[in-house]
Amino acid sequence: MGRGEDRELVDRLAVPSLNLLKWRFQPGFRSSSGSSSIRGLRIRLRGYLKDNPGLKASLGDFFGEAYELAVIVAARETDLPESALPNTPPYRVERAVDDPFWR
């Protein structure tokens, strides 16, 4: 597995985490398009993992980094201080890619 695939996996994990944070911490802004966005990102992530099965074993390794990135962006996009968001993911990586979770 190369560095490019590692970076791609982090990015693909960060975006759903970002959307899940915004969904959880900005309930007044929830919409059907937000829900659709989360579902679409999960489908793309699962497809990427299906195309690159060797990456599945690395999900947990890269999830922490992806979540840190998501917190930074979520704070900026929501105008919440980073300290208002959990330091560690409030869910396991398997839940982040699971359709029924926070839909």
Foldseek 3Di string as FASTA:
>chain_A
DDPVVLVVLLQLLLVLLLLLQCVVPVVVPDDVVSLVVLLVSLVVSVVSCVVVVVCVVCNQVNNLVSNVVSLVVSCVVVVNPSVVGDNGDPDGSVLSSDSVRSD
